[in-house]
């Protein structure tokens, strides 16, 4: 089942609400299972380059079908660096990225950038909770 724009936007809103609660500004991006952007948003006060970073982080989570903390250990390996080069730098291992799973299948990825690592992760988790609540 593909991830719809409607659901992705609800997830994005939940992530931004969490950022507001934590008094930070982030960019959040959600991609489909092929790594293509469904939606991206940069909050007022977030550094402009965080929008691209969030999209690349979401892409990385979707392609590796794993959260950033599981991808980071591979970042210095030559094969990973080759992938970074071959994707034009789109692979960005970071803790503020997570795959999006529905019914046991990875349907996309989410990335949040602009806060601390903990804030970025919390924004992603808030979005995934919103997704879970949407499919109850």
C-alpha atoms as a PDB file:
ATOM      1  CA  UNK A   1       0.000   0.000   0.000  1.00  0.00           C
ATOM      2  CA  UNK A   2       1.532   3.327  -1.034  1.00  0.00           C
ATOM      3  CA  UNK A   3       1.735   6.240   1.360  1.00  0.00           C
ATOM      4  CA  UNK A   4      -0.857   8.871   0.407  1.00  0.00           C
ATOM      5  CA  UNK A   5      -0.269  12.604   0.424  1.00  0.00           C
ATOM      6  CA  UNK A   6      -3.089  12.988   2.965  1.00  0.00           C
ATOM      7  CA  UNK A   7      -1.443  10.614   5.438  1.00  0.00           C
ATOM      8  CA  UNK A   8       2.029  12.049   4.790  1.00  0.00           C
ATOM      9  CA  UNK A   9       0.760  15.556   5.513  1.00  0.00           C
ATOM     10  CA  UNK A  10      -0.828  14.399   8.784  1.00  0.00           C
ATOM     11  CA  UNK A  11       2.513  12.896   9.753  1.00  0.00           C
ATOM     12  CA  UNK A  12       4.292  16.110   8.800  1.00  0.00           C
ATOM     13  CA  UNK A  13       1.905  18.165  10.941  1.00  0.00           C
ATOM     14  CA  UNK A  14       2.507  15.860  13.926  1.00  0.00           C
ATOM     15  CA  UNK A  15       6.269  16.227  13.536  1.00  0.00           C
ATOM     16  CA  UNK A  16       6.020  20.022  13.366  1.00  0.00           C
ATOM     17  CA  UNK A  17       3.686  20.116  16.386  1.00  0.00           C
ATOM     18  CA  UNK A  18       6.290  18.160  18.332  1.00  0.00           C
ATOM     19  CA  UNK A  19       8.950  20.673  17.280  1.00  0.00           C
ATOM     20  CA  UNK A  20       6.755  23.535  18.508  1.00  0.00           C
ATOM     21  CA  UNK A  21       6.321  21.705  21.846  1.00  0.00           C
ATOM     22  CA  UNK A  22      10.116  21.426  22.121  1.00  0.00           C
ATOM     23  CA  UNK A  23      10.565  25.073  21.049  1.00  0.00           C
ATOM     24  CA  UNK A  24      12.688  24.287  18.019  1.00  0.00           C
ATOM     25  CA  UNK A  25      12.356  24.789  14.282  1.00  0.00           C
ATOM     26  CA  UNK A  26      12.956  21.899  11.918  1.00  0.00           C
ATOM     27  CA  UNK A  27      12.444  20.809   8.367  1.00  0.00           C
ATOM     28  CA  UNK A  28      10.588  17.541   7.850  1.00  0.00           C
ATOM     29  CA  UNK A  29      10.431  15.458   4.680  1.00  0.00           C
ATOM     30  CA  UNK A  30       8.527  12.310   3.825  1.00  0.00           C
ATOM     31  CA  UNK A  31       9.375  10.134   0.833  1.00  0.00           C
ATOM     32  CA  UNK A  32       7.742   7.068  -0.699  1.00  0.00           C
ATOM     33  CA  UNK A  33       9.301   3.597  -0.858  1.00  0.00           C
ATOM     34  CA  UNK A  34      11.302   4.621  -3.942  1.00  0.00           C
ATOM     35  CA  UNK A  35      12.762   7.633  -2.163  1.00  0.00           C
ATOM     36  CA  UNK A  36      10.703  10.211  -4.047  1.00  0.00           C
ATOM     37  CA  UNK A  37       9.516  13.198  -2.033  1.00  0.00           C
ATOM     38  CA  UNK A  38       5.835  13.207  -1.114  1.00  0.00           C
ATOM     39  CA  UNK A  39       5.950  16.291   1.100  1.00  0.00           C
ATOM     40  CA  UNK A  40       8.524  18.548   2.715  1.00  0.00           C
ATOM     41  CA  UNK A  41       8.148  21.534   5.012  1.00  0.00           C
ATOM     42  CA  UNK A  42      10.606  23.986   6.552  1.00  0.00           C
ATOM     43  CA  UNK A  43       9.334  25.712   9.688  1.00  0.00           C
ATOM     44  CA  UNK A  44       9.893  29.411  10.222  1.00  0.00           C
ATOM     45  CA  UNK A  45      13.299  29.796  11.810  1.00  0.00           C
ATOM     46  CA  UNK A  46      14.744  26.552  10.409  1.00  0.00           C
ATOM     47  CA  UNK A  47      17.967  27.007   8.473  1.00  0.00           C
ATOM     48  CA  UNK A  48      17.181  26.810   4.722  1.00  0.00           C
ATOM     49  CA  UNK A  49      19.555  23.933   3.973  1.00  0.00           C
ATOM     50  CA  UNK A  50      17.717  21.720   6.467  1.00  0.00           C
ATOM     51  CA  UNK A  51      14.923  21.150   3.925  1.00  0.00           C
ATOM     52  CA  UNK A  52      17.314  19.373   1.556  1.00  0.00           C
ATOM     53  CA  UNK A  53      18.972  17.570   4.448  1.00  0.00           C
ATOM     54  CA  UNK A  54      15.615  16.253   5.694  1.00  0.00           C
ATOM     55  CA  UNK A  55      14.701  15.011   2.205  1.00  0.00           C
ATOM     56  CA  UNK A  56      18.044  13.232   1.845  1.00  0.00           C
ATOM     57  CA  UNK A  57      17.692  11.738   5.318  1.00  0.00           C
ATOM     58  CA  UNK A  58      14.208  10.440   4.498  1.00  0.00           C
ATOM     59  CA  UNK A  59      15.598   8.988   1.245  1.00  0.00           C
ATOM     60  CA  UNK A  60      18.355   7.224   3.171  1.00  0.00           C
ATOM     61  CA  UNK A  61      15.930   5.658   5.653  1.00  0.00           C
ATOM     62  CA  UNK A  62      13.672   4.462   2.830  1.00  0.00           C
ATOM     63  CA  UNK A  63      16.515   3.019   0.758  1.00  0.00           C
ATOM     64  CA  UNK A  64      18.176   1.208   3.656  1.00  0.00           C
ATOM     65  CA  UNK A  65      14.805   0.391   5.266  1.00  0.00           C
ATOM     66  CA  UNK A  66      16.363   1.224   8.611  1.00  0.00           C
ATOM     67  CA  UNK A  67      16.613   4.094  11.093  1.00  0.00           C
ATOM     68  CA  UNK A  68      19.657   6.317  11.073  1.00  0.00           C
ATOM     69  CA  UNK A  69      21.177   4.854  14.218  1.00  0.00           C
ATOM     70  CA  UNK A  70      21.396   1.481  12.417  1.00  0.00           C
ATOM     71  CA  UNK A  71      22.895   3.060   9.277  1.00  0.00           C
ATOM     72  CA  UNK A  72      25.505   5.293  10.947  1.00  0.00           C
ATOM     73  CA  UNK A  73      27.963   2.463  11.744  1.00  0.00           C
ATOM     74  CA  UNK A  74      28.395   1.868   7.988  1.00  0.00           C
ATOM     75  CA  UNK A  75      29.060   5.507   7.066  1.00  0.00           C
ATOM     76  CA  UNK A  76      32.853   5.225   7.054  1.00  0.00           C
ATOM     77  CA  UNK A  77      32.984   1.981   5.094  1.00  0.00           C
ATOM     78  CA  UNK A  78      34.282   2.236   1.516  1.00  0.00           C
ATOM     79  CA  UNK A  79      31.188   0.580   0.023  1.00  0.00           C
ATOM     80  CA  UNK A  80      28.963   3.129   1.773  1.00  0.00           C
ATOM     81  CA  UNK A  81      31.108   6.015   0.550  1.00  0.00           C
ATOM     82  CA  UNK A  82      30.793   4.601  -2.984  1.00  0.00           C
ATOM     83  CA  UNK A  83      27.017   4.685  -2.608  1.00  0.00           C
ATOM     84  CA  UNK A  84      27.158   8.285  -1.382  1.00  0.00           C
ATOM     85  CA  UNK A  85      29.131   9.222  -4.496  1.00  0.00           C
ATOM     86  CA  UNK A  86      26.938   7.209  -6.877  1.00  0.00           C
ATOM     87  CA  UNK A  87      23.771   8.839  -5.493  1.00  0.00           C
ATOM     88  CA  UNK A  88      25.198  12.335  -5.809  1.00  0.00           C
ATOM     89  CA  UNK A  89      25.384  12.774  -2.037  1.00  0.00           C
ATOM     90  CA  UNK A  90      21.743  11.838  -1.370  1.00  0.00           C
ATOM     91  CA  UNK A  91      22.695   9.260   1.262  1.00  0.00           C
ATOM     92  CA  UNK A  92      22.873  11.029   4.603  1.00  0.00           C
ATOM     93  CA  UNK A  93      23.201   8.753   7.621  1.00  0.00           C
ATOM     94  CA  UNK A  94      21.829  10.558  10.675  1.00  0.00           C
ATOM     95  CA  UNK A  95      19.736   9.751  13.691  1.00  0.00           C
ATOM     96  CA  UNK A  96      16.832  11.967  12.605  1.00  0.00           C
ATOM     97  CA  UNK A  97      15.684   9.538   9.914  1.00  0.00           C
ATOM     98  CA  UNK A  98      13.390   6.537  10.089  1.00  0.00           C
ATOM     99  CA  UNK A  99      11.648   4.172   7.715  1.00  0.00           C
ATOM    100  CA  UNK A 100       7.862   4.279   7.537  1.00  0.00           C
ATOM    101  CA  UNK A 101       6.218   0.887   7.921  1.00  0.00           C
ATOM    102  CA  UNK A 102       2.604  -0.044   7.308  1.00  0.00           C
ATOM    103  CA  UNK A 103       1.364  -3.611   7.623  1.00  0.00           C
ATOM    104  CA  UNK A 104       4.868  -5.058   7.743  1.00  0.00           C
ATOM    105  CA  UNK A 105       6.025  -3.277   4.575  1.00  0.00           C
ATOM    106  CA  UNK A 106       8.291  -0.255   4.288  1.00  0.00           C
ATOM    107  CA  UNK A 107       6.250   2.376   2.430  1.00  0.00           C
ATOM    108  CA  UNK A 108       8.637   5.310   2.780  1.00  0.00           C
ATOM    109  CA  UNK A 109      10.962   7.267   4.990  1.00  0.00           C
ATOM    110  CA  UNK A 110      10.893  10.371   7.159  1.00  0.00           C
ATOM    111  CA  UNK A 111      13.676  12.779   7.966  1.00  0.00           C
ATOM    112  CA  UNK A 112      13.793  15.730  10.346  1.00  0.00           C
ATOM    113  CA  UNK A 113      16.663  18.200  10.477  1.00  0.00           C
ATOM    114  CA  UNK A 114      17.370  21.452  12.267  1.00  0.00           C
ATOM    115  CA  UNK A 115      17.075  20.588  15.938  1.00  0.00           C
ATOM    116  CA  UNK A 116      19.381  18.602  18.143  1.00  0.00           C
ATOM    117  CA  UNK A 117      19.673  14.902  17.394  1.00  0.00           C
ATOM    118  CA  UNK A 118      17.186  14.187  20.169  1.00  0.00           C
ATOM    119  CA  UNK A 119      14.716  16.766  18.832  1.00  0.00           C
ATOM    120  CA  UNK A 120      14.966  15.474  15.265  1.00  0.00           C
ATOM    121  CA  UNK A 121      14.363  11.904  16.453  1.00  0.00           C
ATOM    122  CA  UNK A 122      11.412  12.992  18.610  1.00  0.00           C
ATOM    123  CA  UNK A 123       9.826  14.738  15.609  1.00  0.00           C
ATOM    124  CA  UNK A 124      10.141  11.574  13.521  1.00  0.00           C
ATOM    125  CA  UNK A 125       8.701   9.477  16.329  1.00  0.00           C
ATOM    126  CA  UNK A 126       5.732  11.858  16.694  1.00  0.00           C
ATOM    127  CA  UNK A 127       5.020  11.483  12.980  1.00  0.00           C
ATOM    128  CA  UNK A 128       5.212   7.690  13.181  1.00  0.00           C
ATOM    129  CA  UNK A 129       2.823   7.738  16.156  1.00  0.00           C
ATOM    130  CA  UNK A 130       0.390   9.823  14.095  1.00  0.00           C
ATOM    131  CA  UNK A 131       0.657   7.256  11.307  1.00  0.00           C
ATOM    132  CA  UNK A 132      -0.007   4.410  13.730  1.00  0.00           C
ATOM    133  CA  UNK A 133      -3.066   6.227  15.083  1.00  0.00           C
ATOM    134  CA  UNK A 134      -4.322   6.851  11.545  1.00  0.00           C
ATOM    135  CA  UNK A 135      -4.348   3.110  10.779  1.00  0.00           C
ATOM    136  CA  UNK A 136      -5.985   1.867  13.979  1.00  0.00           C
END
